[in-house]
Amino acid sequence: MKRIVLLLVLFGISMCALYAQASPAATTPPAGFRNVQAFVAEEAIVIELKALIPASDEFREKTDTYQRAGKYNFSFDMESLKENSDTLLNKWLKESK
């Protein structure tokens, strides 16, 4: 009895495998792509490296690019220092919570 059931199961599996091989693919290609063997791009992309090279005819000396340090006049009084330190301390305490 076990042999008969096993043979029927194997026969059913083999029939399913044959049916799956014989049936065409479920998805059909889009209408414009039937019988297409390969895709060839019509345009070639050209990258011109000359456009990416910086201009060598313009030369700037190092002194032209240097920015001189400015003179700053800082004046602090004790009241403004206390107010700034209080606000910074309060912000720090709120962030640390």
N, C-alpha and C. Protein backbone atom coordinates (compact mmCIF):
# COMPACT_ATOMS: atom_id res chain seq x y z
N MET A 1 0.83 -1.20 0.00
CA MET A 1 0.00 0.00 0.00
C MET A 1 0.87 1.26 0.00
N LYS A 2 1.95 1.24 0.82
CA LYS A 2 2.84 2.40 0.89
C LYS A 2 3.54 2.61 -0.45
N ARG A 3 3.86 1.50 -1.13
CA ARG A 3 4.54 1.63 -2.41
C ARG A 3 3.63 2.27 -3.45
N ILE A 4 2.38 1.93 -3.45
CA ILE A 4 1.43 2.47 -4.42
C ILE A 4 1.25 3.97 -4.19
N VAL A 5 1.12 4.38 -2.93
CA VAL A 5 0.96 5.81 -2.61
C VAL A 5 2.22 6.56 -3.00
N LEU A 6 3.38 5.98 -2.71
CA LEU A 6 4.65 6.63 -3.05
C LEU A 6 4.80 6.76 -4.56
N LEU A 7 4.44 5.74 -5.31
CA LEU A 7 4.50 5.80 -6.77
C LEU A 7 3.53 6.85 -7.33
N LEU A 8 2.34 6.94 -6.76
CA LEU A 8 1.39 7.95 -7.22
C LEU A 8 1.89 9.37 -6.94
N VAL A 9 2.52 9.56 -5.79
CA VAL A 9 3.07 10.89 -5.45
C VAL A 9 4.21 11.23 -6.40
N LEU A 10 5.09 10.29 -6.65
CA LEU A 10 6.21 10.53 -7.57
C LEU A 10 5.70 10.78 -8.99
N PHE A 11 4.69 10.03 -9.41
CA PHE A 11 4.10 10.24 -10.73
C PHE A 11 3.46 11.63 -10.83
N GLY A 12 2.78 12.05 -9.80
CA GLY A 12 2.16 13.38 -9.79
C GLY A 12 3.20 14.50 -9.84
N ILE A 13 4.28 14.33 -9.09
CA ILE A 13 5.34 15.34 -9.09
C ILE A 13 5.99 15.42 -10.46
N SER A 14 6.24 14.27 -11.08
CA SER A 14 6.88 14.28 -12.40
C SER A 14 5.95 14.89 -13.44
N MET A 15 4.66 14.65 -13.34
CA MET A 15 3.71 15.25 -14.29
C MET A 15 3.65 16.77 -14.11
N CYS A 16 3.71 17.23 -12.86
CA CYS A 16 3.73 18.68 -12.61
C CYS A 16 4.99 19.32 -13.17
N ALA A 17 6.13 18.64 -13.02
CA ALA A 17 7.39 19.17 -13.55
C ALA A 17 7.35 19.23 -15.08
N LEU A 18 6.80 18.20 -15.72
CA LEU A 18 6.68 18.22 -17.18
C LEU A 18 5.73 19.31 -17.65
N TYR A 19 4.65 19.52 -16.95
CA TYR A 19 3.69 20.56 -17.31
C TYR A 19 4.33 21.95 -17.17
N ALA A 20 5.13 22.13 -16.11
CA ALA A 20 5.77 23.43 -15.89
C ALA A 20 6.81 23.70 -16.97
N GLN A 21 7.50 22.69 -17.46
CA GLN A 21 8.49 22.89 -18.51
C GLN A 21 7.83 23.14 -19.86
N ALA A 22 6.69 22.53 -20.11
CA ALA A 22 6.05 22.63 -21.41
C ALA A 22 5.28 23.93 -21.58
N SER A 23 4.78 24.51 -20.50
CA SER A 23 3.98 25.73 -20.63
C SER A 23 4.87 26.93 -20.88
N PRO A 24 4.40 27.90 -21.69
CA PRO A 24 5.21 29.10 -21.94
C PRO A 24 5.27 29.97 -20.68
N ALA A 25 6.17 30.94 -20.72
CA ALA A 25 6.34 31.83 -19.57
C ALA A 25 5.07 32.61 -19.32
N ALA A 26 4.78 32.85 -18.05
CA ALA A 26 3.55 33.55 -17.68
C ALA A 26 3.58 35.02 -18.08
N THR A 27 4.75 35.61 -18.06
CA THR A 27 4.84 37.02 -18.41
C THR A 27 5.30 37.14 -19.84
N THR A 28 4.61 37.95 -20.59
CA THR A 28 4.99 38.20 -21.97
C THR A 28 5.71 39.54 -22.03
N PRO A 29 6.66 39.67 -22.94
CA PRO A 29 7.38 40.94 -23.03
C PRO A 29 6.46 42.04 -23.54
N PRO A 30 6.79 43.29 -23.28
CA PRO A 30 5.98 44.41 -23.79
C PRO A 30 5.92 44.39 -25.31
N ALA A 31 4.96 45.10 -25.86
CA ALA A 31 4.69 45.05 -27.30
C ALA A 31 5.90 45.50 -28.12
N GLY A 32 6.64 46.48 -27.65
CA GLY A 32 7.76 46.99 -28.43
C GLY A 32 9.01 46.15 -28.34
N PHE A 33 9.04 45.13 -27.49
CA PHE A 33 10.26 44.36 -27.27
C PHE A 33 10.13 42.89 -27.68
N ARG A 34 9.24 42.57 -28.57
CA ARG A 34 9.12 41.19 -29.04
C ARG A 34 10.25 40.89 -30.00
N ASN A 35 10.85 39.72 -29.88
CA ASN A 35 11.94 39.23 -30.73
C ASN A 35 13.17 40.15 -30.70
N VAL A 36 13.43 40.79 -29.59
CA VAL A 36 14.60 41.64 -29.44
C VAL A 36 15.73 40.78 -28.90
N GLN A 37 16.87 40.81 -29.57
CA GLN A 37 18.01 40.00 -29.15
C GLN A 37 18.95 40.78 -28.23
N ALA A 38 19.20 42.06 -28.52
CA ALA A 38 20.10 42.86 -27.71
C ALA A 38 19.71 44.32 -27.83
N PHE A 39 20.08 45.09 -26.83
CA PHE A 39 19.81 46.52 -26.83
C PHE A 39 21.10 47.26 -27.12
N VAL A 40 21.09 48.12 -28.13
CA VAL A 40 22.27 48.90 -28.48
C VAL A 40 21.89 50.36 -28.36
N ALA A 41 22.67 51.09 -27.58
CA ALA A 41 22.40 52.52 -27.41
C ALA A 41 22.69 53.25 -28.71
N GLU A 42 21.84 54.20 -29.07
CA GLU A 42 22.02 54.94 -30.31
C GLU A 42 23.07 56.03 -30.17
N GLU A 43 23.17 56.63 -29.01
CA GLU A 43 24.11 57.73 -28.82
C GLU A 43 25.21 57.30 -27.86
N ALA A 44 26.42 57.72 -28.16
CA ALA A 44 27.54 57.46 -27.27
C ALA A 44 27.76 58.70 -26.41
N ILE A 45 28.01 58.48 -25.14
CA ILE A 45 28.24 59.60 -24.22
C ILE A 45 29.71 60.01 -24.32
N VAL A 46 29.95 61.28 -24.58
CA VAL A 46 31.31 61.80 -24.72
C VAL A 46 31.56 62.77 -23.59
N ILE A 47 32.62 62.53 -22.84
CA ILE A 47 33.01 63.42 -21.74
C ILE A 47 34.28 64.14 -22.16
N GLU A 48 34.20 65.45 -22.24
CA GLU A 48 35.37 66.23 -22.62
C GLU A 48 36.12 66.65 -21.36
N LEU A 49 37.33 66.16 -21.25
CA LEU A 49 38.13 66.48 -20.06
C LEU A 49 38.72 67.88 -20.13
N LYS A 50 38.82 68.45 -21.31
CA LYS A 50 39.38 69.79 -21.43
C LYS A 50 38.53 70.81 -20.69
N ALA A 51 37.23 70.56 -20.61
CA ALA A 51 36.35 71.50 -19.92
C ALA A 51 36.54 71.42 -18.41
N LEU A 52 37.07 70.29 -17.90
CA LEU A 52 37.24 70.13 -16.46
C LEU A 52 38.60 70.59 -15.96
N ILE A 53 39.54 70.84 -16.85
CA ILE A 53 40.88 71.27 -16.46
C ILE A 53 40.83 72.75 -16.08
N PRO A 54 41.40 73.14 -14.94
CA PRO A 54 41.38 74.57 -14.58
C PRO A 54 42.26 75.38 -15.51
N ALA A 55 41.93 76.64 -15.63
CA ALA A 55 42.68 77.52 -16.52
C ALA A 55 44.09 77.73 -15.99
N SER A 56 45.07 77.48 -16.85
CA SER A 56 46.46 77.64 -16.42
C SER A 56 47.04 78.98 -16.85
N ASP A 57 46.32 79.73 -17.67
CA ASP A 57 46.84 81.01 -18.12
C ASP A 57 46.66 82.10 -17.05
N GLU A 58 45.79 81.87 -16.08
CA GLU A 58 45.61 82.83 -15.00
C GLU A 58 46.44 82.39 -13.81
N PHE A 59 47.31 83.26 -13.36
CA PHE A 59 48.16 82.94 -12.22
C PHE A 59 48.00 84.01 -11.17
N ARG A 60 47.67 83.57 -9.96
CA ARG A 60 47.54 84.51 -8.85
C ARG A 60 48.65 84.23 -7.86
N GLU A 61 49.31 85.26 -7.48
CA GLU A 61 50.38 85.10 -6.51
C GLU A 61 49.79 84.77 -5.14
N LYS A 62 50.61 84.21 -4.31
CA LYS A 62 50.16 83.83 -2.97
C LYS A 62 49.76 85.06 -2.16
N THR A 63 50.37 86.18 -2.41
CA THR A 63 50.03 87.39 -1.65
C THR A 63 48.63 87.87 -2.00
N ASP A 64 48.13 87.53 -3.18
CA ASP A 64 46.78 87.95 -3.55
C ASP A 64 45.73 87.15 -2.79
N THR A 65 46.04 85.91 -2.43
CA THR A 65 45.06 85.07 -1.76
C THR A 65 45.10 85.22 -0.24
N TYR A 66 46.15 85.83 0.28
CA TYR A 66 46.28 85.98 1.73
C TYR A 66 45.39 87.11 2.21
N GLN A 67 44.60 86.84 3.24
CA GLN A 67 43.78 87.89 3.84
C GLN A 67 44.44 88.34 5.13
N ARG A 68 44.66 89.61 5.20
CA ARG A 68 45.32 90.15 6.37
C ARG A 68 44.40 90.09 7.59
N ALA A 69 45.00 89.86 8.73
CA ALA A 69 44.23 89.79 9.97
C ALA A 69 43.76 91.19 10.34
N GLY A 70 42.52 91.27 10.77
CA GLY A 70 41.97 92.57 11.15
C GLY A 70 42.31 92.91 12.59
N LYS A 71 42.17 94.16 12.92
CA LYS A 71 42.40 94.60 14.29
C LYS A 71 41.05 94.69 14.97
N TYR A 72 40.93 94.00 16.08
CA TYR A 72 39.68 93.96 16.80
C TYR A 72 39.83 94.73 18.10
N ASN A 73 38.80 95.46 18.43
CA ASN A 73 38.81 96.24 19.66
C ASN A 73 37.72 95.66 20.56
N PHE A 74 38.12 94.77 21.45
CA PHE A 74 37.17 94.17 22.38
C PHE A 74 37.17 94.97 23.67
N SER A 75 36.00 95.32 24.10
CA SER A 75 35.90 96.01 25.39
C SER A 75 34.80 95.31 26.18
N PHE A 76 35.13 94.84 27.35
CA PHE A 76 34.20 94.14 28.22
C PHE A 76 34.09 94.88 29.54
N ASP A 77 32.89 94.88 30.06
CA ASP A 77 32.74 95.35 31.42
C ASP A 77 32.18 94.19 32.25
N MET A 78 32.24 94.28 33.52
CA MET A 78 31.89 93.18 34.42
C MET A 78 30.41 92.82 34.33
N GLU A 79 29.55 93.78 34.11
CA GLU A 79 28.12 93.48 34.03
C GLU A 79 27.78 92.65 32.80
N SER A 80 28.35 93.02 31.66
CA SER A 80 28.06 92.25 30.45
C SER A 80 28.65 90.84 30.54
N LEU A 81 29.81 90.71 31.19
CA LEU A 81 30.41 89.39 31.38
C LEU A 81 29.53 88.51 32.27
N LYS A 82 28.99 89.08 33.33
CA LYS A 82 28.13 88.32 34.22
C LYS A 82 26.84 87.90 33.51
N GLU A 83 26.24 88.82 32.75
CA GLU A 83 25.01 88.48 32.03
C GLU A 83 25.25 87.37 31.01
N ASN A 84 26.33 87.49 30.26
CA ASN A 84 26.63 86.46 29.26
C ASN A 84 26.93 85.12 29.92
N SER A 85 27.67 85.13 31.00
CA SER A 85 28.00 83.86 31.66
C SER A 85 26.74 83.24 32.29
N ASP A 86 25.84 84.08 32.82
CA ASP A 86 24.58 83.54 33.38
C ASP A 86 23.73 82.89 32.29
N THR A 87 23.60 83.56 31.15
CA THR A 87 22.79 82.98 30.07
C THR A 87 23.42 81.69 29.53
N LEU A 88 24.73 81.68 29.38
CA LEU A 88 25.39 80.47 28.90
C LEU A 88 25.28 79.33 29.91
N LEU A 89 25.39 79.67 31.18
CA LEU A 89 25.27 78.64 32.22
C LEU A 89 23.85 78.08 32.26
N ASN A 90 22.84 78.95 32.13
CA ASN A 90 21.45 78.47 32.11
C ASN A 90 21.17 77.60 30.89
N LYS A 91 21.70 77.98 29.73
CA LYS A 91 21.53 77.15 28.54
C LYS A 91 22.20 75.80 28.73
N TRP A 92 23.38 75.79 29.31
CA TRP A 92 24.10 74.54 29.52
C TRP A 92 23.34 73.63 30.49
N LEU A 93 22.77 74.24 31.55
CA LEU A 93 22.01 73.46 32.51
C LEU A 93 20.75 72.86 31.89
N LYS A 94 20.07 73.63 31.03
CA LYS A 94 18.89 73.11 30.36
C LYS A 94 19.23 71.98 29.40
N GLU A 95 20.34 72.10 28.69
CA GLU A 95 20.74 71.06 27.74
C GLU A 95 21.22 69.80 28.44
N SER A 96 21.78 69.97 29.61
CA SER A 96 22.34 68.80 30.31
C SER A 96 21.26 67.97 31.00
N LYS A 97 20.06 68.52 31.13
CA LYS A 97 18.97 67.77 31.80
C LYS A 97 18.44 66.68 30.95
